[in-house]
Amino acid sequence: MAAASSSQCPTSSGSECNRRPAAAVDERKRKRMESNRESARRSRMRKQKQVADLLGQVSELQNANGQIAQGIDATTQKYVEIESANNVLRAQLMELTDRLRSLNSVLQVVEVVSGLAIDIPEIPDPLMEPWQLPCPIQQPIRASADMLQF
């Protein structure tokens, strides 16, 4: 056995032979630790980049969301304006229909009294039956007096 140990370690000192493998182990341990540190550093860098990318996406999505919300607000405002204008037109339609009915009844009286044949225009069906309009009234008509000025 002594021959085997002396063949591995040519010097006469046994403590020197024990230091070489320990030094090699220490060197491997140091290299592994350094490699692990570098790997951890790369991992942290990747995570930082991922976080930065995700924050960028969050910012882009928030901007897109804000633009969509503005578009919705603008569309809602236009809808309210158009709905209001439609309500005014419906009120005007009802008023004009009533006027036309009144004028037709006056013409009928004049026709009966004078004995002359007067061409009395007929009121179109949609005006006579507003509940059958192609666009039904979904809400009560809200109009103010100043909206009906011509």
N, C-alpha and C. Protein backbone atom coordinates (compact mmCIF):
# COMPACT_ATOMS: atom_id res chain seq x y z
N MET A 1 0.81 -1.17 0.00
CA MET A 1 0.00 0.00 0.00
C MET A 1 0.87 1.24 0.00
N ALA A 2 1.97 1.19 0.67
CA ALA A 2 2.90 2.31 0.71
C ALA A 2 3.45 2.59 -0.66
N ALA A 3 3.61 1.58 -1.44
CA ALA A 3 4.11 1.77 -2.79
C ALA A 3 3.07 2.49 -3.64
N ALA A 4 1.82 2.18 -3.42
CA ALA A 4 0.76 2.82 -4.19
C ALA A 4 0.67 4.31 -3.86
N SER A 5 0.79 4.65 -2.58
CA SER A 5 0.69 6.06 -2.21
C SER A 5 1.91 6.82 -2.66
N SER A 6 3.08 6.17 -2.68
CA SER A 6 4.26 6.88 -3.13
C SER A 6 4.26 7.04 -4.63
N SER A 7 3.54 6.18 -5.36
CA SER A 7 3.50 6.35 -6.81
C SER A 7 2.58 7.51 -7.18
N GLN A 8 1.56 7.80 -6.36
CA GLN A 8 0.68 8.93 -6.65
C GLN A 8 1.33 10.24 -6.24
N CYS A 9 2.11 10.20 -5.20
CA CYS A 9 2.73 11.41 -4.67
C CYS A 9 4.24 11.21 -4.66
N PRO A 10 5.00 11.70 -5.68
CA PRO A 10 6.43 11.43 -5.78
C PRO A 10 7.27 12.10 -4.69
N THR A 11 6.78 13.11 -4.06
CA THR A 11 7.59 13.78 -3.04
C THR A 11 7.50 12.99 -1.75
N SER A 12 8.45 13.22 -0.86
CA SER A 12 8.51 12.47 0.38
C SER A 12 7.52 12.97 1.42
N SER A 13 7.02 14.17 1.27
CA SER A 13 6.12 14.73 2.27
C SER A 13 4.68 14.31 1.98
N GLY A 14 4.01 13.69 2.95
CA GLY A 14 2.62 13.22 2.79
C GLY A 14 1.63 14.36 2.89
N SER A 15 1.93 15.40 3.66
CA SER A 15 0.98 16.51 3.82
C SER A 15 0.85 17.29 2.52
N GLU A 16 1.92 17.35 1.73
CA GLU A 16 1.87 18.04 0.45
C GLU A 16 0.95 17.31 -0.52
N CYS A 17 0.97 16.01 -0.46
CA CYS A 17 0.12 15.18 -1.31
C CYS A 17 -1.35 15.38 -0.95
N ASN A 18 -1.67 15.55 0.31
CA ASN A 18 -3.05 15.78 0.74
C ASN A 18 -3.54 17.18 0.33
N ARG A 19 -2.61 18.12 0.22
CA ARG A 19 -2.99 19.49 -0.16
C ARG A 19 -3.39 19.58 -1.62
N ARG A 20 -2.75 18.83 -2.49
CA ARG A 20 -3.06 18.93 -3.92
C ARG A 20 -4.51 18.53 -4.20
N PRO A 21 -4.98 17.40 -3.76
CA PRO A 21 -6.39 17.10 -4.03
C PRO A 21 -7.31 18.10 -3.32
N ALA A 22 -6.96 18.54 -2.15
CA ALA A 22 -7.78 19.52 -1.44
C ALA A 22 -7.77 20.83 -2.22
N ALA A 23 -6.64 21.21 -2.76
CA ALA A 23 -6.55 22.44 -3.55
C ALA A 23 -7.36 22.28 -4.83
N ALA A 24 -7.32 21.11 -5.44
CA ALA A 24 -8.10 20.86 -6.65
C ALA A 24 -9.60 20.91 -6.33
N VAL A 25 -9.98 20.33 -5.17
CA VAL A 25 -11.38 20.36 -4.75
C VAL A 25 -11.79 21.81 -4.48
N ASP A 26 -10.93 22.55 -3.79
CA ASP A 26 -11.22 23.96 -3.52
C ASP A 26 -11.36 24.76 -4.82
N GLU A 27 -10.50 24.46 -5.78
CA GLU A 27 -10.56 25.16 -7.07
C GLU A 27 -11.87 24.83 -7.80
N ARG A 28 -12.23 23.55 -7.78
CA ARG A 28 -13.50 23.15 -8.42
C ARG A 28 -14.69 23.80 -7.71
N LYS A 29 -14.62 23.84 -6.38
CA LYS A 29 -15.69 24.45 -5.60
C LYS A 29 -15.79 25.94 -5.92
N ARG A 30 -14.64 26.60 -6.00
CA ARG A 30 -14.60 28.02 -6.33
C ARG A 30 -15.15 28.28 -7.73
N LYS A 31 -14.77 27.43 -8.69
CA LYS A 31 -15.28 27.59 -10.06
C LYS A 31 -16.78 27.35 -10.11
N ARG A 32 -17.24 26.34 -9.38
CA ARG A 32 -18.68 26.05 -9.35
C ARG A 32 -19.44 27.23 -8.72
N MET A 33 -18.91 27.77 -7.63
CA MET A 33 -19.55 28.92 -6.98
C MET A 33 -19.58 30.12 -7.94
N GLU A 34 -18.47 30.33 -8.62
CA GLU A 34 -18.40 31.44 -9.58
C GLU A 34 -19.39 31.21 -10.73
N SER A 35 -19.48 29.98 -11.20
CA SER A 35 -20.42 29.63 -12.26
C SER A 35 -21.86 29.84 -11.78
N ASN A 36 -22.13 29.42 -10.55
CA ASN A 36 -23.47 29.60 -9.98
C ASN A 36 -23.81 31.08 -9.84
N ARG A 37 -22.83 31.87 -9.39
CA ARG A 37 -23.07 33.31 -9.27
C ARG A 37 -23.40 33.92 -10.63
N GLU A 38 -22.62 33.52 -11.64
CA GLU A 38 -22.84 34.05 -12.98
C GLU A 38 -24.22 33.61 -13.50
N SER A 39 -24.57 32.36 -13.25
CA SER A 39 -25.88 31.85 -13.67
C SER A 39 -27.00 32.61 -12.95
N ALA A 40 -26.84 32.86 -11.66
CA ALA A 40 -27.83 33.61 -10.89
C ALA A 40 -27.93 35.05 -11.41
N ARG A 41 -26.78 35.65 -11.76
CA ARG A 41 -26.77 37.00 -12.31
C ARG A 41 -27.53 37.03 -13.64
N ARG A 42 -27.27 36.04 -14.51
CA ARG A 42 -28.00 35.98 -15.79
C ARG A 42 -29.49 35.78 -15.57
N SER A 43 -29.82 34.95 -14.59
CA SER A 43 -31.23 34.71 -14.27
C SER A 43 -31.90 35.99 -13.78
N ARG A 44 -31.19 36.74 -12.90
CA ARG A 44 -31.74 38.02 -12.44
C ARG A 44 -31.91 38.99 -13.59
N MET A 45 -30.94 39.02 -14.49
CA MET A 45 -31.03 39.91 -15.65
C MET A 45 -32.23 39.54 -16.54
N ARG A 46 -32.42 38.22 -16.75
CA ARG A 46 -33.57 37.77 -17.55
C ARG A 46 -34.88 38.19 -16.89
N LYS A 47 -34.95 37.99 -15.59
CA LYS A 47 -36.17 38.36 -14.86
C LYS A 47 -36.40 39.87 -14.92
N GLN A 48 -35.33 40.66 -14.77
CA GLN A 48 -35.47 42.11 -14.87
C GLN A 48 -35.98 42.51 -16.26
N LYS A 49 -35.44 41.86 -17.29
CA LYS A 49 -35.88 42.14 -18.66
C LYS A 49 -37.35 41.74 -18.83
N GLN A 50 -37.73 40.58 -18.29
CA GLN A 50 -39.12 40.14 -18.37
C GLN A 50 -40.04 41.14 -17.67
N VAL A 51 -39.64 41.59 -16.48
CA VAL A 51 -40.44 42.56 -15.73
C VAL A 51 -40.55 43.86 -16.52
N ALA A 52 -39.45 44.31 -17.09
CA ALA A 52 -39.47 45.55 -17.89
C ALA A 52 -40.37 45.37 -19.11
N ASP A 53 -40.28 44.22 -19.78
CA ASP A 53 -41.14 43.96 -20.93
C ASP A 53 -42.62 43.94 -20.52
N LEU A 54 -42.91 43.28 -19.40
CA LEU A 54 -44.29 43.22 -18.92
C LEU A 54 -44.80 44.61 -18.52
N LEU A 55 -43.95 45.42 -17.90
CA LEU A 55 -44.35 46.78 -17.56
C LEU A 55 -44.62 47.60 -18.81
N GLY A 56 -43.81 47.38 -19.84
CA GLY A 56 -44.06 48.05 -21.12
C GLY A 56 -45.39 47.63 -21.72
N GLN A 57 -45.68 46.32 -21.64
CA GLN A 57 -46.97 45.83 -22.15
C GLN A 57 -48.13 46.42 -21.35
N VAL A 58 -47.95 46.50 -20.02
CA VAL A 58 -48.99 47.09 -19.17
C VAL A 58 -49.25 48.53 -19.61
N SER A 59 -48.18 49.26 -19.83
CA SER A 59 -48.32 50.66 -20.25
C SER A 59 -49.04 50.75 -21.60
N GLU A 60 -48.64 49.90 -22.57
CA GLU A 60 -49.29 49.91 -23.88
C GLU A 60 -50.77 49.55 -23.75
N LEU A 61 -51.07 48.54 -22.95
CA LEU A 61 -52.46 48.11 -22.78
C LEU A 61 -53.28 49.18 -22.07
N GLN A 62 -52.68 49.87 -21.10
CA GLN A 62 -53.40 50.95 -20.42
C GLN A 62 -53.70 52.09 -21.40
N ASN A 63 -52.72 52.40 -22.27
CA ASN A 63 -52.96 53.44 -23.28
C ASN A 63 -54.07 53.02 -24.23
N ALA A 64 -54.01 51.76 -24.70
CA ALA A 64 -55.05 51.26 -25.60
C ALA A 64 -56.41 51.27 -24.90
N ASN A 65 -56.42 50.87 -23.64
CA ASN A 65 -57.66 50.86 -22.87
C ASN A 65 -58.21 52.28 -22.72
N GLY A 66 -57.34 53.24 -22.47
CA GLY A 66 -57.76 54.64 -22.37
C GLY A 66 -58.35 55.14 -23.69
N GLN A 67 -57.71 54.77 -24.81
CA GLN A 67 -58.24 55.19 -26.11
C GLN A 67 -59.60 54.55 -26.38
N ILE A 68 -59.73 53.28 -26.02
CA ILE A 68 -61.01 52.60 -26.21
C ILE A 68 -62.08 53.25 -25.34
N ALA A 69 -61.72 53.57 -24.10
CA ALA A 69 -62.68 54.22 -23.20
C ALA A 69 -63.10 55.58 -23.75
N GLN A 70 -62.15 56.34 -24.32
CA GLN A 70 -62.49 57.63 -24.94
C GLN A 70 -63.41 57.43 -26.12
N GLY A 71 -63.14 56.39 -26.92
CA GLY A 71 -64.00 56.08 -28.06
C GLY A 71 -65.41 55.72 -27.60
N ILE A 72 -65.49 54.94 -26.54
CA ILE A 72 -66.80 54.57 -25.99
C ILE A 72 -67.53 55.81 -25.49
N ASP A 73 -66.80 56.68 -24.78
CA ASP A 73 -67.42 57.91 -24.28
C ASP A 73 -67.93 58.78 -25.42
N ALA A 74 -67.11 58.93 -26.47
CA ALA A 74 -67.51 59.75 -27.62
C ALA A 74 -68.72 59.13 -28.31
N THR A 75 -68.72 57.82 -28.47
CA THR A 75 -69.84 57.14 -29.12
C THR A 75 -71.10 57.26 -28.27
N THR A 76 -70.95 57.12 -26.96
CA THR A 76 -72.10 57.26 -26.06
C THR A 76 -72.66 58.68 -26.14
N GLN A 77 -71.78 59.66 -26.17
CA GLN A 77 -72.22 61.05 -26.28
C GLN A 77 -72.98 61.27 -27.59
N LYS A 78 -72.44 60.74 -28.69
CA LYS A 78 -73.12 60.87 -29.98
C LYS A 78 -74.48 60.17 -29.94
N TYR A 79 -74.52 59.00 -29.32
CA TYR A 79 -75.77 58.26 -29.20
C TYR A 79 -76.81 59.08 -28.45
N VAL A 80 -76.38 59.69 -27.34
CA VAL A 80 -77.30 60.51 -26.54
C VAL A 80 -77.80 61.70 -27.36
N GLU A 81 -76.89 62.33 -28.11
CA GLU A 81 -77.29 63.46 -28.95
C GLU A 81 -78.28 63.03 -30.02
N ILE A 82 -78.00 61.92 -30.67
CA ILE A 82 -78.88 61.43 -31.74
C ILE A 82 -80.22 61.00 -31.16
N GLU A 83 -80.18 60.35 -30.03
CA GLU A 83 -81.43 59.93 -29.38
C GLU A 83 -82.27 61.16 -29.01
N SER A 84 -81.62 62.18 -28.52
CA SER A 84 -82.33 63.41 -28.19
C SER A 84 -82.93 64.05 -29.44
N ALA A 85 -82.15 64.09 -30.52
CA ALA A 85 -82.65 64.65 -31.78
C ALA A 85 -83.82 63.82 -32.29
N ASN A 86 -83.73 62.50 -32.17
CA ASN A 86 -84.85 61.63 -32.59
C ASN A 86 -86.09 61.89 -31.75
N ASN A 87 -85.91 62.09 -30.47
CA ASN A 87 -87.05 62.38 -29.60
C ASN A 87 -87.72 63.69 -30.00
N VAL A 88 -86.89 64.68 -30.34
CA VAL A 88 -87.44 65.97 -30.80
C VAL A 88 -88.21 65.75 -32.10
N LEU A 89 -87.63 64.99 -33.02
CA LEU A 89 -88.31 64.73 -34.30
C LEU A 89 -89.61 63.97 -34.09
N ARG A 90 -89.61 63.03 -33.17
CA ARG A 90 -90.85 62.30 -32.88
C ARG A 90 -91.92 63.25 -32.33
N ALA A 91 -91.51 64.15 -31.43
CA ALA A 91 -92.46 65.12 -30.87
C ALA A 91 -92.98 66.03 -31.98
N GLN A 92 -92.10 66.47 -32.86
CA GLN A 92 -92.53 67.32 -33.98
C GLN A 92 -93.47 66.55 -34.90
N LEU A 93 -93.18 65.28 -35.12
CA LEU A 93 -94.03 64.44 -35.94
C LEU A 93 -95.44 64.37 -35.35
N MET A 94 -95.52 64.17 -34.07
CA MET A 94 -96.83 64.09 -33.42
C MET A 94 -97.57 65.44 -33.53
N GLU A 95 -96.85 66.52 -33.31
CA GLU A 95 -97.46 67.84 -33.40
C GLU A 95 -97.96 68.12 -34.81
N LEU A 96 -97.14 67.80 -35.81
CA LEU A 96 -97.54 68.04 -37.20
C LEU A 96 -98.70 67.12 -37.61
N THR A 97 -98.71 65.92 -37.10
CA THR A 97 -99.82 65.01 -37.38
C THR A 97 -101.12 65.58 -36.81
N ASP A 98 -101.05 66.09 -35.60
CA ASP A 98 -102.24 66.71 -35.01
C ASP A 98 -102.69 67.92 -35.83
N ARG A 99 -101.75 68.73 -36.29
CA ARG A 99 -102.10 69.90 -37.11
C ARG A 99 -102.76 69.46 -38.42
N LEU A 100 -102.18 68.40 -39.04
CA LEU A 100 -102.72 67.91 -40.29
C LEU A 100 -104.14 67.37 -40.09
N ARG A 101 -104.37 66.68 -39.00
CA ARG A 101 -105.72 66.19 -38.69
C ARG A 101 -106.69 67.38 -38.54
N SER A 102 -106.24 68.40 -37.82
CA SER A 102 -107.09 69.58 -37.62
C SER A 102 -107.41 70.25 -38.95
N LEU A 103 -106.41 70.42 -39.79
CA LEU A 103 -106.62 71.04 -41.10
C LEU A 103 -107.54 70.18 -41.96
N ASN A 104 -107.38 68.88 -41.92
CA ASN A 104 -108.25 67.99 -42.69
C ASN A 104 -109.70 68.10 -42.21
N SER A 105 -109.90 68.21 -40.91
CA SER A 105 -111.28 68.34 -40.41
C SER A 105 -111.87 69.70 -40.81
N VAL A 106 -111.05 70.75 -40.84
CA VAL A 106 -111.52 72.06 -41.30
C VAL A 106 -111.89 71.97 -42.78
N LEU A 107 -111.05 71.29 -43.59
CA LEU A 107 -111.33 71.12 -45.02
C LEU A 107 -112.61 70.31 -45.22
N GLN A 108 -112.85 69.34 -44.41
CA GLN A 108 -114.08 68.55 -44.52
C GLN A 108 -115.31 69.41 -44.22
N VAL A 109 -115.20 70.27 -43.20
CA VAL A 109 -116.31 71.17 -42.87
C VAL A 109 -116.54 72.13 -44.03
N VAL A 110 -115.46 72.69 -44.59
CA VAL A 110 -115.57 73.62 -45.71
C VAL A 110 -116.20 72.90 -46.90
N GLU A 111 -115.80 71.66 -47.14
CA GLU A 111 -116.34 70.88 -48.25
C GLU A 111 -117.85 70.65 -48.08
N VAL A 112 -118.27 70.33 -46.85
CA VAL A 112 -119.68 70.08 -46.58
C VAL A 112 -120.48 71.39 -46.72
N VAL A 113 -119.95 72.49 -46.15
CA VAL A 113 -120.67 73.77 -46.14
C VAL A 113 -120.74 74.34 -47.55
N SER A 114 -119.64 74.31 -48.28
CA SER A 114 -119.59 74.95 -49.60
C SER A 114 -120.16 74.06 -50.70
N GLY A 115 -120.16 72.80 -50.48
CA GLY A 115 -120.63 71.87 -51.49
C GLY A 115 -119.63 71.63 -52.60
N LEU A 116 -118.46 72.21 -52.47
CA LEU A 116 -117.40 72.01 -53.46
C LEU A 116 -116.60 70.75 -53.11
N ALA A 117 -116.12 70.11 -54.14
CA ALA A 117 -115.26 68.94 -53.92
C ALA A 117 -113.84 69.44 -53.66
N ILE A 118 -113.37 69.18 -52.48
CA ILE A 118 -112.00 69.60 -52.11
C ILE A 118 -111.15 68.34 -51.97
N ASP A 119 -109.96 68.43 -52.57
CA ASP A 119 -109.04 67.30 -52.47
C ASP A 119 -108.37 67.34 -51.10
N ILE A 120 -108.77 66.46 -50.22
CA ILE A 120 -108.22 66.42 -48.86
C ILE A 120 -107.14 65.33 -48.82
N PRO A 121 -105.91 65.74 -48.54
CA PRO A 121 -104.83 64.72 -48.52
C PRO A 121 -105.03 63.75 -47.36
N GLU A 122 -104.65 62.53 -47.64
CA GLU A 122 -104.74 61.51 -46.59
C GLU A 122 -103.48 61.58 -45.73
N ILE A 123 -103.66 61.25 -44.49
CA ILE A 123 -102.52 61.20 -43.58
C ILE A 123 -101.89 59.81 -43.75
N PRO A 124 -100.61 59.77 -44.06
CA PRO A 124 -99.96 58.46 -44.25
C PRO A 124 -100.11 57.59 -43.00
N ASP A 125 -100.16 56.28 -43.21
CA ASP A 125 -100.36 55.33 -42.11
C ASP A 125 -99.36 55.49 -40.96
N PRO A 126 -98.06 55.61 -41.25
CA PRO A 126 -97.12 55.73 -40.11
C PRO A 126 -97.45 56.92 -39.22
N LEU A 127 -98.02 57.96 -39.80
CA LEU A 127 -98.36 59.11 -38.99
C LEU A 127 -99.63 58.84 -38.18
N MET A 128 -100.55 58.07 -38.75
CA MET A 128 -101.78 57.75 -38.05
C MET A 128 -101.55 56.74 -36.93
N GLU A 129 -100.59 55.84 -37.16
CA GLU A 129 -100.32 54.79 -36.19
C GLU A 129 -98.83 54.82 -35.81
N PRO A 130 -98.42 55.76 -34.98
CA PRO A 130 -97.00 55.91 -34.68
C PRO A 130 -96.41 54.71 -33.94
N TRP A 131 -97.25 53.88 -33.35
CA TRP A 131 -96.72 52.71 -32.65
C TRP A 131 -96.21 51.67 -33.63
N GLN A 132 -96.48 51.85 -34.93
CA GLN A 132 -96.00 50.91 -35.94
C GLN A 132 -94.85 51.49 -36.75
N LEU A 133 -94.20 52.49 -36.23
CA LEU A 133 -93.04 53.06 -36.92
C LEU A 133 -91.94 52.01 -36.98
N PRO A 134 -91.07 52.08 -38.01
CA PRO A 134 -89.98 51.11 -38.10
C PRO A 134 -89.02 51.18 -36.90
N CYS A 135 -88.88 52.34 -36.31
CA CYS A 135 -88.02 52.51 -35.13
C CYS A 135 -88.93 52.81 -33.94
N PRO A 136 -89.28 51.81 -33.17
CA PRO A 136 -90.21 52.05 -32.07
C PRO A 136 -89.61 52.98 -31.02
N ILE A 137 -90.49 53.73 -30.38
CA ILE A 137 -90.07 54.62 -29.30
C ILE A 137 -89.83 53.76 -28.07
N GLN A 138 -88.62 53.79 -27.57
CA GLN A 138 -88.27 52.95 -26.44
C GLN A 138 -88.41 53.69 -25.12
N GLN A 139 -88.32 54.98 -25.17
CA GLN A 139 -88.41 55.77 -23.96
C GLN A 139 -89.41 56.90 -24.19
N PRO A 140 -89.93 57.46 -23.12
CA PRO A 140 -90.84 58.59 -23.31
C PRO A 140 -90.12 59.74 -23.99
N ILE A 141 -90.87 60.51 -24.74
CA ILE A 141 -90.29 61.65 -25.45
C ILE A 141 -90.06 62.78 -24.48
N ARG A 142 -88.83 63.23 -24.44
CA ARG A 142 -88.47 64.35 -23.57
C ARG A 142 -88.06 65.50 -24.47
N ALA A 143 -88.82 66.59 -24.41
CA ALA A 143 -88.49 67.76 -25.20
C ALA A 143 -88.91 68.99 -24.42
N SER A 144 -88.16 70.05 -24.65
CA SER A 144 -88.52 71.32 -24.00
C SER A 144 -89.14 72.23 -25.06
N ALA A 145 -89.80 73.27 -24.61
CA ALA A 145 -90.50 74.17 -25.51
C ALA A 145 -89.56 74.85 -26.50
N ASP A 146 -88.35 75.19 -26.07
CA ASP A 146 -87.43 75.88 -26.96
C ASP A 146 -86.88 74.95 -28.05
N MET A 147 -87.01 73.64 -27.89
CA MET A 147 -86.55 72.72 -28.91
C MET A 147 -87.51 72.70 -30.10
N LEU A 148 -88.76 73.09 -29.90
CA LEU A 148 -89.78 73.00 -30.93
C LEU A 148 -89.92 74.27 -31.74
N GLN A 149 -89.05 75.23 -31.55
CA GLN A 149 -89.12 76.46 -32.32
C GLN A 149 -88.61 76.21 -33.73
N PHE A 150 -89.31 76.80 -34.71
CA PHE A 150 -88.93 76.58 -36.11
C PHE A 150 -88.18 77.73 -36.66
